[in-house]
Protein backbone atom coordinates (compact mmCIF):
# COMPACT_ATOMS: atom_id res chain seq x y z
CA MET A 1 -42.52 47.75 -32.53
CA ALA A 2 -40.22 47.87 -29.53
CA ALA A 3 -43.26 48.13 -27.29
CA THR A 4 -44.78 44.98 -28.73
CA LEU A 5 -41.59 42.99 -28.16
CA ALA A 6 -41.33 44.11 -24.55
CA SER A 7 -44.91 43.16 -23.78
CA SER A 8 -44.81 39.80 -25.54
CA SER A 9 -44.81 36.49 -23.71
CA PRO A 10 -41.65 35.44 -21.82
CA VAL A 11 -38.97 33.48 -23.57
CA VAL A 12 -39.54 29.75 -23.62
CA GLY A 13 -37.45 28.08 -20.94
CA LEU A 14 -37.42 31.08 -18.62
CA ALA A 15 -41.03 30.69 -17.53
CA ASN A 16 -40.08 28.97 -14.27
CA SER A 17 -36.82 30.82 -13.71
CA SER A 18 -36.25 33.29 -10.94
CA LEU A 19 -36.43 36.11 -13.45
CA SER A 20 -40.11 35.68 -14.22
CA SER A 21 -41.65 34.21 -11.04
CA PRO A 22 -40.69 32.82 -7.62
CA ARG A 23 -39.04 29.45 -7.78
CA ARG A 24 -41.19 26.41 -7.19
CA THR A 25 -39.81 22.97 -6.45
CA THR A 26 -41.63 19.99 -7.75
CA ALA A 27 -41.28 16.64 -6.02
CA LEU A 28 -41.43 13.84 -8.53
CA THR A 29 -42.28 10.38 -7.35
CA SER A 30 -41.89 7.17 -9.26
CA SER A 31 -41.64 3.51 -8.51
CA PHE A 32 -38.29 3.53 -10.34
CA VAL A 33 -36.72 6.25 -8.22
CA LYS A 34 -36.02 5.60 -4.58
CA SER A 35 -37.16 8.05 -1.98
CA PRO A 36 -34.55 10.70 -1.21
CA VAL A 37 -32.45 9.79 1.80
CA THR A 38 -29.35 11.37 3.18
CA ALA A 39 -26.20 9.59 2.21
CA ARG A 40 -24.22 8.27 5.12
CA ASN A 41 -20.63 7.20 5.17
CA PRO A 42 -20.27 3.54 6.19
CA LEU A 43 -16.74 4.27 7.43
CA SER A 44 -17.98 6.78 9.98
CA LEU A 45 -18.78 3.96 12.39
CA VAL A 46 -15.21 2.68 12.11
CA ALA A 47 -13.83 6.18 12.55
CA GLY A 48 -15.83 6.64 15.73
CA ALA A 49 -14.49 3.41 17.15
CA SER A 50 -10.86 4.48 16.76
CA GLY A 51 -11.15 7.84 18.48
CA GLY A 52 -12.42 9.85 15.50
CA LYS A 53 -9.57 8.95 13.17
CA PHE A 54 -10.12 6.43 10.38
CA THR A 55 -7.31 3.97 9.80
CA CYS A 56 -7.16 1.35 7.07
CA PHE A 57 -4.72 -0.94 8.87
CA GLU A 58 -4.20 -2.06 12.40
CA ARG A 59 -1.88 0.14 14.41
CA ASP A 60 0.73 -2.63 14.61
CA TRP A 61 0.27 -3.91 11.05
CA LEU A 62 3.80 -5.27 10.76
CA ARG A 63 3.44 -7.15 14.05
CA THR A 64 7.17 -7.46 14.48
CA ASP A 65 8.47 -10.31 16.52
CA LEU A 66 12.10 -10.78 17.46
CA ASN A 67 11.65 -14.56 17.25
CA VAL A 68 11.04 -14.29 13.50
CA ILE A 69 14.09 -12.07 12.98
CA GLY A 70 16.34 -14.29 15.07
CA PHE A 71 15.19 -17.62 13.66
CA GLY A 72 15.08 -16.19 10.13
CA LEU A 73 18.67 -14.98 10.37
CA ILE A 74 19.83 -18.30 11.79
CA GLY A 75 17.70 -20.09 9.21
CA TRP A 76 19.55 -18.28 6.42
CA LEU A 77 23.05 -18.29 7.88
CA ALA A 78 23.03 -22.06 8.35
CA PRO A 79 22.36 -23.08 4.71
CA SER A 80 24.35 -20.18 3.22
CA SER A 81 27.41 -21.27 5.23
CA ILE A 82 27.53 -24.72 3.64
CA PRO A 83 30.58 -24.91 1.34
CA ALA A 84 28.72 -25.64 -1.90
CA ILE A 85 30.36 -23.25 -4.43
CA ASN A 86 33.77 -24.69 -5.34
CA GLY A 87 34.37 -25.61 -1.72
CA LYS A 88 33.38 -22.19 -0.41
CA SER A 89 30.14 -21.02 1.16
CA LEU A 90 27.97 -18.13 -0.07
CA THR A 91 28.47 -16.28 3.21
CA GLY A 92 32.24 -16.79 3.00
CA LEU A 93 32.35 -15.56 -0.61
CA PHE A 94 30.25 -12.52 0.29
CA PHE A 95 32.41 -11.54 3.28
CA GLU A 96 35.59 -12.23 1.29
CA SER A 97 34.39 -9.92 -1.49
CA ILE A 98 33.65 -7.23 1.11
CA GLY A 99 37.25 -7.46 2.30
CA THR A 100 38.57 -7.31 -1.27
CA GLU A 101 36.52 -4.20 -2.04
CA LEU A 102 37.51 -2.51 1.22
CA ALA A 103 41.18 -2.97 0.27
CA HIS A 104 40.77 -0.15 -2.28
CA PHE A 105 38.21 1.73 -0.18
CA PRO A 106 37.76 5.18 -1.73
CA THR A 107 37.24 3.57 -5.11
CA PRO A 108 33.81 1.91 -5.39
CA PRO A 109 33.40 -1.67 -6.64
CA SER A 110 33.40 -2.00 -10.42
CA VAL A 111 30.27 -3.05 -12.22
CA THR A 112 31.87 -6.38 -13.20
CA SER A 113 32.99 -7.18 -9.65
CA GLN A 114 31.85 -10.49 -8.11
CA PHE A 115 30.88 -8.46 -5.03
CA TRP A 116 27.53 -7.48 -6.60
CA LEU A 117 26.61 -11.09 -7.38
CA TRP A 118 27.32 -12.25 -3.83
CA LEU A 119 25.65 -9.18 -2.30
CA ILE A 120 22.41 -9.60 -4.25
CA THR A 121 22.29 -13.39 -3.85
CA TRP A 122 23.02 -13.35 -0.12
CA HIS A 123 20.50 -10.58 0.66
CA LEU A 124 17.82 -12.00 -1.60
CA GLY A 125 18.06 -15.30 0.26
CA LEU A 126 17.99 -13.53 3.62
CA PHE A 127 14.91 -11.46 2.79
CA LEU A 128 13.07 -14.46 1.36
CA CYS A 129 13.85 -16.42 4.51
CA LEU A 130 12.63 -13.55 6.72
CA THR A 131 9.48 -13.04 4.64
CA PHE A 132 8.49 -16.70 4.65
CA GLY A 133 9.38 -16.88 8.34
CA GLN A 134 7.04 -13.97 9.08
CA ILE A 135 4.26 -15.53 7.03
CA GLY A 136 4.71 -18.94 8.64
CA PHE A 137 5.11 -17.73 12.21
CA LYS A 138 2.22 -15.26 12.13
CA GLY A 139 0.05 -17.62 10.12
CA ARG A 140 0.59 -20.27 12.75
CA THR A 141 -0.16 -17.93 15.68
CA ASP A 142 -3.29 -16.56 13.94
CA ASP A 143 -4.54 -20.09 13.17
CA TYR A 144 -4.45 -19.73 9.37
CA PHE A 145 -2.89 -23.19 9.15
């Protein structure tokens, strides 16, 4: 009986495998399947243009300009120095709170100290002024508006 099992037909599914016969490749063609082409990377052209290294952003993406920093700082210092909070300016209150906190230097400012309010408010206004200054100045030079 063992001899009849060994001489029987190959197992279904292994007829085209490398165990029973040399491998044959079959090329199927259909109007639904595109012809096989090698995939190419569309970014390879960009990488070749920049010396073989692909970069997503321009080298000077921040495009810093000292005019924006200078005018932005002046543009924030001027309105924040207007005495509008009980006859005192935001800049004056911020610098006064720095002096008060430095009076007991090794001890940090308490959580309830007015220093944190003036620090956050003053810097938030400064960074907003610098950000909008950068957008406006660079938008104007790049002809966005």
